[in-house]
Amino acid sequence: MSKFTAKTLSTTIDGNGLVILDSNGQYIYPGLAQAIFDDAIFGPRILKRLQRLFVDHPDGLSESGHDWYFGYLVCAYTQTHFGIKNLLNYPSVTKELFYFVSHNSQIRRKLAC
């Protein structure tokens, strides 16, 4: 018989509108990766970074590198839009961003052009 583990989840919205979920002490930011990608300034930067990564890593990208691939852009975005210099648990956002861009066929088509 499996054990049931209860997790607490609380939602906070900071003064600038950033939604923060606290799941047992781990902060996650729903929709932030999508917002960064959709941003007029940071979206093209992500595509440029992704294109460069594919050139540098022709064998493919590793999931374990997601924070290295996109950490700077996530932190720059949150500092620019929310005034947050050091986003707690930013790897949760870089991981979501990595999955979004690496599994999206429309993005791959944009990069192929």
Protein backbone atom coordinates (compact mmCIF):
# COMPACT_ATOMS: atom_id res chain seq x y z
CA MET A 1 0.00 0.00 0.00
CA SER A 2 1.42 3.39 -0.95
CA LYS A 3 1.63 6.26 1.48
CA PHE A 4 -0.18 9.49 0.82
CA THR A 5 2.05 12.54 1.15
CA ALA A 6 0.36 15.87 1.70
CA LYS A 7 1.98 18.94 0.22
CA THR A 8 1.13 22.45 1.21
CA LEU A 9 0.71 24.99 -1.53
CA SER A 10 0.33 28.70 -0.98
CA THR A 11 0.00 31.42 -3.58
CA THR A 12 1.44 34.91 -3.31
CA ILE A 13 1.39 37.77 -5.77
CA ASP A 14 4.20 40.26 -5.20
CA GLY A 15 3.73 44.01 -5.55
CA ASN A 16 4.67 43.91 -9.24
CA GLY A 17 2.27 41.10 -10.15
CA LEU A 18 4.62 38.10 -10.12
CA VAL A 19 2.70 34.98 -9.11
CA ILE A 20 4.69 32.85 -6.68
CA LEU A 21 3.64 29.40 -5.50
CA ASP A 22 5.27 27.98 -2.40
CA SER A 23 5.21 24.20 -2.45
CA ASN A 24 6.75 23.01 0.81
CA GLY A 25 9.43 25.68 0.73
CA GLN A 26 10.18 25.43 -3.02
CA TYR A 27 9.17 28.50 -4.98
CA ILE A 28 7.70 28.03 -8.44
CA TYR A 29 6.46 30.66 -10.85
CA PRO A 30 3.58 29.50 -13.04
CA GLY A 31 3.50 31.12 -16.46
CA LEU A 32 6.78 32.97 -16.03
CA ALA A 33 8.68 30.93 -18.63
CA GLN A 34 5.92 31.57 -21.17
CA ALA A 35 5.87 35.29 -20.30
CA ILE A 36 9.64 35.52 -20.81
CA PHE A 37 9.40 33.75 -24.17
CA ASP A 38 6.49 35.97 -25.27
CA ASP A 39 8.28 39.18 -24.26
CA ALA A 40 9.20 41.45 -27.18
CA ILE A 41 12.79 41.84 -25.96
CA PHE A 42 13.57 38.57 -24.21
CA GLY A 43 11.76 36.20 -26.61
CA PRO A 44 14.13 36.97 -29.50
CA ARG A 45 17.09 36.73 -27.11
CA ILE A 46 15.98 33.24 -26.11
CA LEU A 47 15.69 32.19 -29.76
CA LYS A 48 19.13 33.65 -30.49
CA ARG A 49 20.60 31.84 -27.48
CA LEU A 50 18.90 28.59 -28.50
CA GLN A 51 20.19 28.91 -32.05
CA ARG A 52 23.73 29.43 -30.75
CA LEU A 53 23.40 26.46 -28.40
CA PHE A 54 22.40 24.21 -31.29
CA VAL A 55 25.50 25.33 -33.21
CA ASP A 56 27.75 24.74 -30.19
CA HIS A 57 26.11 21.41 -29.30
CA PRO A 58 25.22 19.62 -32.57
CA ASP A 59 24.61 16.37 -30.66
CA GLY A 60 21.74 17.99 -28.77
CA LEU A 61 21.16 19.86 -25.57
CA SER A 62 21.23 18.30 -22.14
CA GLU A 63 18.40 18.84 -19.70
CA SER A 64 20.97 19.17 -16.92
CA GLY A 65 22.24 22.38 -18.52
CA HIS A 66 18.95 24.27 -18.45
CA ASP A 67 20.01 26.73 -15.75
CA TRP A 68 23.29 27.42 -17.55
CA TYR A 69 21.51 27.84 -20.91
CA PHE A 70 18.84 30.28 -19.73
CA GLY A 71 19.66 31.42 -16.17
CA TYR A 72 21.05 34.78 -17.19
CA LEU A 73 18.00 35.60 -19.30
CA VAL A 74 15.54 34.57 -16.58
CA CYS A 75 17.34 36.68 -13.97
CA ALA A 76 17.62 39.65 -16.35
CA TYR A 77 13.89 39.43 -17.14
CA THR A 78 12.81 39.32 -13.50
CA GLN A 79 15.13 42.19 -12.62
CA THR A 80 13.83 44.28 -15.53
CA HIS A 81 10.12 43.57 -15.05
CA PHE A 82 9.78 42.87 -11.32
CA GLY A 83 12.84 44.44 -9.73
CA ILE A 84 13.95 41.04 -8.42
CA LYS A 85 17.71 40.71 -8.73
CA ASN A 86 18.05 37.16 -7.39
CA LEU A 87 14.98 35.05 -8.12
CA LEU A 88 14.70 32.26 -5.58
CA ASN A 89 14.65 28.83 -7.22
CA TYR A 90 15.17 30.31 -10.68
CA PRO A 91 16.11 26.83 -12.02
CA SER A 92 12.41 25.93 -11.83
CA VAL A 93 11.84 28.60 -14.49
CA THR A 94 14.88 27.70 -16.60
CA LYS A 95 13.80 24.06 -16.61
CA GLU A 96 10.29 24.98 -17.74
CA LEU A 97 11.76 27.28 -20.39
CA PHE A 98 14.10 24.52 -21.58
CA TYR A 99 11.21 22.07 -21.99
CA PHE A 100 9.08 24.70 -23.71
CA VAL A 101 11.67 25.63 -26.32
CA SER A 102 13.09 22.14 -26.86
CA HIS A 103 9.72 20.45 -27.36
CA ASN A 104 7.98 23.12 -29.42
CA SER A 105 7.87 22.35 -33.15
CA GLN A 106 7.00 25.94 -34.09
CA ILE A 107 10.19 27.16 -32.44
CA ARG A 108 12.25 24.58 -34.28
CA ARG A 109 10.73 25.76 -37.56
CA LYS A 110 11.63 29.38 -36.72
CA LEU A 111 15.22 28.36 -36.05
CA ALA A 112 15.43 26.39 -39.29
CA CYS A 113 14.68 29.50 -41.37
